[in-house]
Amino acid sequence: MICFEVSELPFAGTGFSPDMIRELLKAYGYDICSFDLCEERFRQVEGDFSRFHGDFFAFHARPESSREI
């Protein structure tokens, strides 16, 4: 499991986007989730990741690919 934060400010000057982080993690077999405090469970993040900010968790879902990024 990887725990990470997506914040607007750090991305502003880098040229990177939250979608790039998602694609990198997906290429290595990770599913990205957020934790729903009301239901006390993880929920998979779907849709346009660029609008999401906050704390996220990546769980390894399948064997690592040999793809290079």
PDB file of N, CA and C in Angstrom:
ATOM      1  N   MET A   1       0.849  -1.167   0.000  1.00  0.00           N
ATOM      2  CA  MET A   1       0.000   0.000   0.000  1.00  0.00           C
ATOM      3  C   MET A   1       0.899   1.237   0.000  1.00  0.00           C
ATOM      4  N   ILE A   2       0.495   2.231  -0.771  1.00  0.00           N
ATOM      5  CA  ILE A   2       1.169   3.527  -0.820  1.00  0.00           C
ATOM      6  C   ILE A   2       0.172   4.572  -0.357  1.00  0.00           C
ATOM      7  N   CYS A   3       0.577   5.426   0.557  1.00  0.00           N
ATOM      8  CA  CYS A   3      -0.261   6.536   1.014  1.00  0.00           C
ATOM      9  C   CYS A   3       0.339   7.809   0.444  1.00  0.00           C
ATOM     10  N   PHE A   4      -0.477   8.654  -0.194  1.00  0.00           N
ATOM     11  CA  PHE A   4       0.036   9.885  -0.779  1.00  0.00           C
ATOM     12  C   PHE A   4      -1.018  10.974  -0.756  1.00  0.00           C
ATOM     13  N   GLU A   5      -0.557  12.205  -0.906  1.00  0.00           N
ATOM     14  CA  GLU A   5      -1.444  13.371  -0.903  1.00  0.00           C
ATOM     15  C   GLU A   5      -1.360  14.067  -2.248  1.00  0.00           C
ATOM     16  N   VAL A   6      -2.499  14.512  -2.747  1.00  0.00           N
ATOM     17  CA  VAL A   6      -2.556  15.312  -3.966  1.00  0.00           C
ATOM     18  C   VAL A   6      -2.964  16.716  -3.544  1.00  0.00           C
ATOM     19  N   SER A   7      -2.041  17.661  -3.710  1.00  0.00           N
ATOM     20  CA  SER A   7      -2.286  19.053  -3.323  1.00  0.00           C
ATOM     21  C   SER A   7      -2.127  19.954  -4.538  1.00  0.00           C
ATOM     22  N   GLU A   8      -2.970  20.960  -4.628  1.00  0.00           N
ATOM     23  CA  GLU A   8      -2.926  21.877  -5.768  1.00  0.00           C
ATOM     24  C   GLU A   8      -1.615  22.644  -5.862  1.00  0.00           C
ATOM     25  N   LEU A   9      -1.175  23.212  -4.762  1.00  0.00           N
ATOM     26  CA  LEU A   9      -0.006  24.084  -4.776  1.00  0.00           C
ATOM     27  C   LEU A   9       1.265  23.412  -5.304  1.00  0.00           C
ATOM     28  N   PRO A  10       1.649  22.247  -4.805  1.00  0.00           N
ATOM     29  CA  PRO A  10       2.874  21.629  -5.322  1.00  0.00           C
ATOM     30  C   PRO A  10       2.824  21.313  -6.820  1.00  0.00           C
ATOM     31  N   PHE A  11       1.654  20.984  -7.332  1.00  0.00           N
ATOM     32  CA  PHE A  11       1.537  20.670  -8.756  1.00  0.00           C
ATOM     33  C   PHE A  11       1.576  21.919  -9.634  1.00  0.00           C
ATOM     34  N   ALA A  12       1.231  23.060  -9.093  1.00  0.00           N
ATOM     35  CA  ALA A  12       1.094  24.295  -9.873  1.00  0.00           C
ATOM     36  C   ALA A  12       2.345  24.636 -10.682  1.00  0.00           C
ATOM     37  N   GLY A  13       3.529  24.503 -10.103  1.00  0.00           N
ATOM     38  CA  GLY A  13       4.734  24.907 -10.806  1.00  0.00           C
ATOM     39  C   GLY A  13       5.548  23.783 -11.406  1.00  0.00           C
ATOM     40  N   THR A  14       5.060  22.555 -11.330  1.00  0.00           N
ATOM     41  CA  THR A  14       5.868  21.418 -11.774  1.00  0.00           C
ATOM     42  C   THR A  14       5.605  20.971 -13.200  1.00  0.00           C
ATOM     43  N   GLY A  15       4.437  21.267 -13.728  1.00  0.00           N
ATOM     44  CA  GLY A  15       4.087  20.748 -15.040  1.00  0.00           C
ATOM     45  C   GLY A  15       3.466  19.367 -14.979  1.00  0.00           C
ATOM     46  N   PHE A  16       3.362  18.803 -13.774  1.00  0.00           N
ATOM     47  CA  PHE A  16       2.726  17.501 -13.589  1.00  0.00           C
ATOM     48  C   PHE A  16       1.277  17.705 -13.176  1.00  0.00           C
ATOM     49  N   SER A  17       0.474  16.675 -13.369  1.00  0.00           N
ATOM     50  CA  SER A  17      -0.931  16.738 -12.962  1.00  0.00           C
ATOM     51  C   SER A  17      -1.260  15.494 -12.137  1.00  0.00           C
ATOM     52  N   PRO A  18      -2.328  15.567 -11.344  1.00  0.00           N
ATOM     53  CA  PRO A  18      -2.760  14.373 -10.605  1.00  0.00           C
ATOM     54  C   PRO A  18      -3.043  13.188 -11.534  1.00  0.00           C
ATOM     55  N   ASP A  19      -3.532  13.462 -12.744  1.00  0.00           N
ATOM     56  CA  ASP A  19      -3.790  12.376 -13.692  1.00  0.00           C
ATOM     57  C   ASP A  19      -2.506  11.634 -14.059  1.00  0.00           C
ATOM     58  N   MET A  20      -1.391  12.360 -14.112  1.00  0.00           N
ATOM     59  CA  MET A  20      -0.112  11.716 -14.423  1.00  0.00           C
ATOM     60  C   MET A  20       0.290  10.747 -13.310  1.00  0.00           C
ATOM     61  N   ILE A  21       0.029  11.128 -12.073  1.00  0.00           N
ATOM     62  CA  ILE A  21       0.321  10.251 -10.938  1.00  0.00           C
ATOM     63  C   ILE A  21      -0.547   8.997 -11.019  1.00  0.00           C
ATOM     64  N   ARG A  22      -1.829   9.194 -11.326  1.00  0.00           N
ATOM     65  CA  ARG A  22      -2.735   8.043 -11.447  1.00  0.00           C
ATOM     66  C   ARG A  22      -2.266   7.092 -12.539  1.00  0.00           C
ATOM     67  N   GLU A  23      -1.910   7.626 -13.702  1.00  0.00           N
ATOM     68  CA  GLU A  23      -1.486   6.774 -14.810  1.00  0.00           C
ATOM     69  C   GLU A  23      -0.203   6.015 -14.480  1.00  0.00           C
ATOM     70  N   LEU A  24       0.713   6.666 -13.785  1.00  0.00           N
ATOM     71  CA  LEU A  24       1.945   6.000 -13.374  1.00  0.00           C
ATOM     72  C   LEU A  24       1.647   4.837 -12.432  1.00  0.00           C
ATOM     73  N   LEU A  25       0.818   5.083 -11.420  1.00  0.00           N
ATOM     74  CA  LEU A  25       0.476   4.022 -10.474  1.00  0.00           C
ATOM     75  C   LEU A  25      -0.300   2.895 -11.148  1.00  0.00           C
ATOM     76  N   LYS A  26      -1.220   3.230 -12.050  1.00  0.00           N
ATOM     77  CA  LYS A  26      -1.991   2.202 -12.756  1.00  0.00           C
ATOM     78  C   LYS A  26      -1.092   1.344 -13.635  1.00  0.00           C
ATOM     79  N   ALA A  27      -0.070   1.971 -14.251  1.00  0.00           N
ATOM     80  CA  ALA A  27       0.849   1.225 -15.113  1.00  0.00           C
ATOM     81  C   ALA A  27       1.607   0.152 -14.328  1.00  0.00           C
ATOM     82  N   TYR A  28       1.769   0.372 -13.026  1.00  0.00           N
ATOM     83  CA  TYR A  28       2.457  -0.600 -12.184  1.00  0.00           C
ATOM     84  C   TYR A  28       1.500  -1.452 -11.361  1.00  0.00           C
ATOM     85  N   GLY A  29       0.223  -1.432 -11.722  1.00  0.00           N
ATOM     86  CA  GLY A  29      -0.738  -2.357 -11.118  1.00  0.00           C
ATOM     87  C   GLY A  29      -1.405  -1.890  -9.845  1.00  0.00           C
ATOM     88  N   TYR A  30      -1.443  -0.583  -9.605  1.00  0.00           N
ATOM     89  CA  TYR A  30      -2.065  -0.063  -8.384  1.00  0.00           C
ATOM     90  C   TYR A  30      -3.444   0.524  -8.666  1.00  0.00           C
ATOM     91  N   ASP A  31      -4.377   0.271  -7.759  1.00  0.00           N
ATOM     92  CA  ASP A  31      -5.691   0.914  -7.772  1.00  0.00           C
ATOM     93  C   ASP A  31      -5.666   2.019  -6.724  1.00  0.00           C
ATOM     94  N   ILE A  32      -6.231   3.184  -7.051  1.00  0.00           N
ATOM     95  CA  ILE A  32      -6.209   4.324  -6.142  1.00  0.00           C
ATOM     96  C   ILE A  32      -7.549   4.428  -5.428  1.00  0.00           C
ATOM     97  N   CYS A  33      -7.464   4.586  -4.107  1.00  0.00           N
ATOM     98  CA  CYS A  33      -8.656   4.673  -3.271  1.00  0.00           C
ATOM     99  C   CYS A  33      -8.556   5.872  -2.337  1.00  0.00           C
ATOM    100  N   SER A  34      -9.708   6.286  -1.860  1.00  0.00           N
ATOM    101  CA  SER A  34      -9.770   7.261  -0.768  1.00  0.00           C
ATOM    102  C   SER A  34     -10.504   6.570   0.372  1.00  0.00           C
ATOM    103  N   PHE A  35     -10.377   7.104   1.568  1.00  0.00           N
ATOM    104  CA  PHE A  35     -11.037   6.487   2.709  1.00  0.00           C
ATOM    105  C   PHE A  35     -12.292   7.275   3.042  1.00  0.00           C
ATOM    106  N   ASP A  36     -13.433   6.605   3.037  1.00  0.00           N
ATOM    107  CA  ASP A  36     -14.713   7.212   3.365  1.00  0.00           C
ATOM    108  C   ASP A  36     -14.900   7.122   4.880  1.00  0.00           C
ATOM    109  N   LEU A  37     -14.792   8.269   5.558  1.00  0.00           N
ATOM    110  CA  LEU A  37     -14.896   8.280   7.021  1.00  0.00           C
ATOM    111  C   LEU A  37     -16.276   7.887   7.518  1.00  0.00           C
ATOM    112  N   CYS A  38     -17.312   8.254   6.784  1.00  0.00           N
ATOM    113  CA  CYS A  38     -18.685   7.923   7.208  1.00  0.00           C
ATOM    114  C   CYS A  38     -18.929   6.420   7.181  1.00  0.00           C
ATOM    115  N   GLU A  39     -18.462   5.763   6.126  1.00  0.00           N
ATOM    116  CA  GLU A  39     -18.679   4.319   5.990  1.00  0.00           C
ATOM    117  C   GLU A  39     -17.513   3.489   6.516  1.00  0.00           C
ATOM    118  N   GLU A  40     -16.444   4.168   6.893  1.00  0.00           N
ATOM    119  CA  GLU A  40     -15.243   3.511   7.409  1.00  0.00           C
ATOM    120  C   GLU A  40     -14.739   2.415   6.484  1.00  0.00           C
ATOM    121  N   ARG A  41     -14.574   2.796   5.212  1.00  0.00           N
ATOM    122  CA  ARG A  41     -14.047   1.845   4.231  1.00  0.00           C
ATOM    123  C   ARG A  41     -13.379   2.597   3.080  1.00  0.00           C
ATOM    124  N   PHE A  42     -12.561   1.881   2.336  1.00  0.00           N
ATOM    125  CA  PHE A  42     -11.891   2.458   1.181  1.00  0.00           C
ATOM    126  C   PHE A  42     -12.828   2.429  -0.015  1.00  0.00           C
ATOM    127  N   ARG A  43     -12.768   3.496  -0.820  1.00  0.00           N
ATOM    128  CA  ARG A  43     -13.549   3.581  -2.053  1.00  0.00           C
ATOM    129  C   ARG A  43     -12.602   3.883  -3.204  1.00  0.00           C
ATOM    130  N   GLN A  44     -12.747   3.123  -4.291  1.00  0.00           N
ATOM    131  CA  GLN A  44     -11.897   3.341  -5.454  1.00  0.00           C
ATOM    132  C   GLN A  44     -12.235   4.685  -6.101  1.00  0.00           C
ATOM    133  N   VAL A  45     -11.190   5.423  -6.479  1.00  0.00           N
ATOM    134  CA  VAL A  45     -11.362   6.729  -7.122  1.00  0.00           C
ATOM    135  C   VAL A  45     -11.549   6.496  -8.614  1.00  0.00           C
ATOM    136  N   GLU A  46     -12.620   7.050  -9.160  1.00  0.00           N
ATOM    137  CA  GLU A  46     -12.917   6.898 -10.583  1.00  0.00           C
ATOM    138  C   GLU A  46     -13.167   8.270 -11.183  1.00  0.00           C
ATOM    139  N   GLY A  47     -13.097   8.341 -12.491  1.00  0.00           N
ATOM    140  CA  GLY A  47     -13.387   9.595 -13.175  1.00  0.00           C
ATOM    141  C   GLY A  47     -12.142  10.443 -13.367  1.00  0.00           C
ATOM    142  N   ASP A  48     -12.364  11.723 -13.547  1.00  0.00           N
ATOM    143  CA  ASP A  48     -11.294  12.679 -13.807  1.00  0.00           C
ATOM    144  C   ASP A  48     -10.527  12.951 -12.517  1.00  0.00           C
ATOM    145  N   PHE A  49      -9.344  12.380 -12.396  1.00  0.00           N
ATOM    146  CA  PHE A  49      -8.558  12.489 -11.168  1.00  0.00           C
ATOM    147  C   PHE A  49      -8.031  13.910 -10.954  1.00  0.00           C
ATOM    148  N   SER A  50      -7.968  14.711 -12.004  1.00  0.00           N
ATOM    149  CA  SER A  50      -7.401  16.054 -11.894  1.00  0.00           C
ATOM    150  C   SER A  50      -8.206  16.953 -10.962  1.00  0.00           C
ATOM    151  N   ARG A  51      -9.460  16.610 -10.713  1.00  0.00           N
ATOM    152  CA  ARG A  51     -10.275  17.447  -9.824  1.00  0.00           C
ATOM    153  C   ARG A  51     -10.215  16.994  -8.371  1.00  0.00           C
ATOM    154  N   PHE A  52      -9.488  15.912  -8.113  1.00  0.00           N
ATOM    155  CA  PHE A  52      -9.389  15.379  -6.758  1.00  0.00           C
ATOM    156  C   PHE A  52      -8.167  15.931  -6.045  1.00  0.00           C
ATOM    157  N   HIS A  53      -8.340  16.286  -4.792  1.00  0.00           N
ATOM    158  CA  HIS A  53      -7.245  16.710  -3.929  1.00  0.00           C
ATOM    159  C   HIS A  53      -7.486  16.101  -2.561  1.00  0.00           C
ATOM    160  N   GLY A  54      -6.426  15.718  -1.886  1.00  0.00           N
ATOM    161  CA  GLY A  54      -6.558  15.133  -0.563  1.00  0.00           C
ATOM    162  C   GLY A  54      -5.636  13.956  -0.395  1.00  0.00           C
ATOM    163  N   ASP A  55      -5.949  13.119   0.575  1.00  0.00           N
ATOM    164  CA  ASP A  55      -5.147  11.942   0.878  1.00  0.00           C
ATOM    165  C   ASP A  55      -5.703  10.731   0.137  1.00  0.00           C
ATOM    166  N   PHE A  56      -4.798   9.949  -0.435  1.00  0.00           N
ATOM    167  CA  PHE A  56      -5.191   8.772  -1.191  1.00  0.00           C
ATOM    168  C   PHE A  56      -4.314   7.594  -0.823  1.00  0.00           C
ATOM    169  N   PHE A  57      -4.783   6.409  -1.197  1.00  0.00           N
ATOM    170  CA  PHE A  57      -4.088   5.166  -0.932  1.00  0.00           C
ATOM    171  C   PHE A  57      -4.050   4.380  -2.231  1.00  0.00           C
ATOM    172  N   ALA A  58      -2.921   3.757  -2.510  1.00  0.00           N
ATOM    173  CA  ALA A  58      -2.800   2.927  -3.704  1.00  0.00           C
ATOM    174  C   ALA A  58      -2.521   1.496  -3.254  1.00  0.00           C
ATOM    175  N   PHE A  59      -3.364   0.584  -3.700  1.00  0.00           N
ATOM    176  CA  PHE A  59      -3.242  -0.834  -3.362  1.00  0.00           C
ATOM    177  C   PHE A  59      -2.820  -1.595  -4.606  1.00  0.00           C
ATOM    178  N   HIS A  60      -1.843  -2.478  -4.436  1.00  0.00           N
ATOM    179  CA  HIS A  60      -1.377  -3.256  -5.582  1.00  0.00           C
ATOM    180  C   HIS A  60      -2.448  -4.266  -5.966  1.00  0.00           C
ATOM    181  N   ALA A  61      -2.914  -4.183  -7.207  1.00  0.00           N
ATOM    182  CA  ALA A  61      -4.045  -4.999  -7.642  1.00  0.00           C
ATOM    183  C   ALA A  61      -3.641  -6.182  -8.505  1.00  0.00           C
ATOM    184  N   ARG A  62      -2.510  -6.098  -9.166  1.00  0.00           N
ATOM    185  CA  ARG A  62      -2.085  -7.179 -10.054  1.00  0.00           C
ATOM    186  C   ARG A  62      -0.561  -7.216 -10.096  1.00  0.00           C
ATOM    187  N   PRO A  63       0.013  -8.292 -10.598  1.00  0.00           N
ATOM    188  CA  PRO A  63       1.478  -8.383 -10.657  1.00  0.00           C
ATOM    189  C   PRO A  63       2.070  -7.211 -11.443  1.00  0.00           C
ATOM    190  N   GLU A  64       3.251  -6.784 -11.020  1.00  0.00           N
ATOM    191  CA  GLU A  64       3.900  -5.653 -11.688  1.00  0.00           C
ATOM    192  C   GLU A  64       4.168  -5.968 -13.136  1.00  0.00           C
ATOM    193  N   SER A  65       3.942  -4.981 -13.985  1.00  0.00           N
ATOM    194  CA  SER A  65       4.224  -5.152 -15.399  1.00  0.00           C
ATOM    195  C   SER A  65       5.695  -4.823 -15.650  1.00  0.00           C
ATOM    196  N   SER A  66       6.182  -5.200 -16.790  1.00  0.00           N
ATOM    197  CA  SER A  66       7.567  -4.902 -17.128  1.00  0.00           C
ATOM    198  C   SER A  66       7.657  -3.637 -17.979  1.00  0.00           C
ATOM    199  N   ARG A  67       6.544  -2.933 -18.111  1.00  0.00           N
ATOM    200  CA  ARG A  67       6.517  -1.695 -18.899  1.00  0.00           C
ATOM    201  C   ARG A  67       7.378  -0.633 -18.254  1.00  0.00           C
ATOM    202  N   GLU A  68       8.062   0.108 -19.099  1.00  0.00           N
ATOM    203  CA  GLU A  68       8.825   1.241 -18.611  1.00  0.00           C
ATOM    204  C   GLU A  68       8.059   2.510 -18.933  1.00  0.00           C
ATOM    205  N   ILE A  69       8.147   3.461 -18.018  1.00  0.00           N
ATOM    206  CA  ILE A  69       7.441   4.733 -18.212  1.00  0.00           C
ATOM    207  C   ILE A  69       8.460   5.837 -18.341  1.00  0.00           C
TER     208      ILE A  69
END
